[in-house]
Amino acid sequence: MPLQEFVTANWELFLALVVILALLFNNLFAERLRGYQSVDPGGAVNLINHEDALYLDVRTDGEISEGRVINSLHIPLSALKSRLGELEKHRQRPIVVGCRSGHRSGVACGQLRKAGYEKVYNLKGGILAWRAANLPVTRKG
């Protein structure tokens, strides 16, 4: 009964513990549950250079004009479902998905996994992290 008395007397602390444990669980196991992995810019370069990964940029047309990863394929997230056929020839390759900061690319990774793509990677931090790592971008299409 001492635990029950503690929980009753300190329910706010117990609730905080439950929330912290849930966040910790999410942080540790989220990648496995999502079905795709996240990579930092160095990991993305390794996949591109050594495993022939495709870099898929899901930013908007306006954002692309600010610069893009060399040899990347641009399909805005809003058009990804309707343009999945363009990726069919790349089905066996790893696909690194990037956006501005890493959020939209996570959504795109989920869509790709749902469509049956197995080697899908989300670029942590997006193009902002890519640039911060002093990796090259181009303004050419």
Foldseek 3Di string as FASTA:
>chain_A
DVVVVCCVVCVVVVVVVVVVVVVVCCVVCVCVVLQAAADELVVVVCLCVPQVEAEEEQEDPVVCLVWADPRHHYDHLVCCVVVVVVCVVVLPGAYEYFYQAFDSSSVVQSVVVVVPRRRYYTHHGGVVRCVVVVHDTDSDD
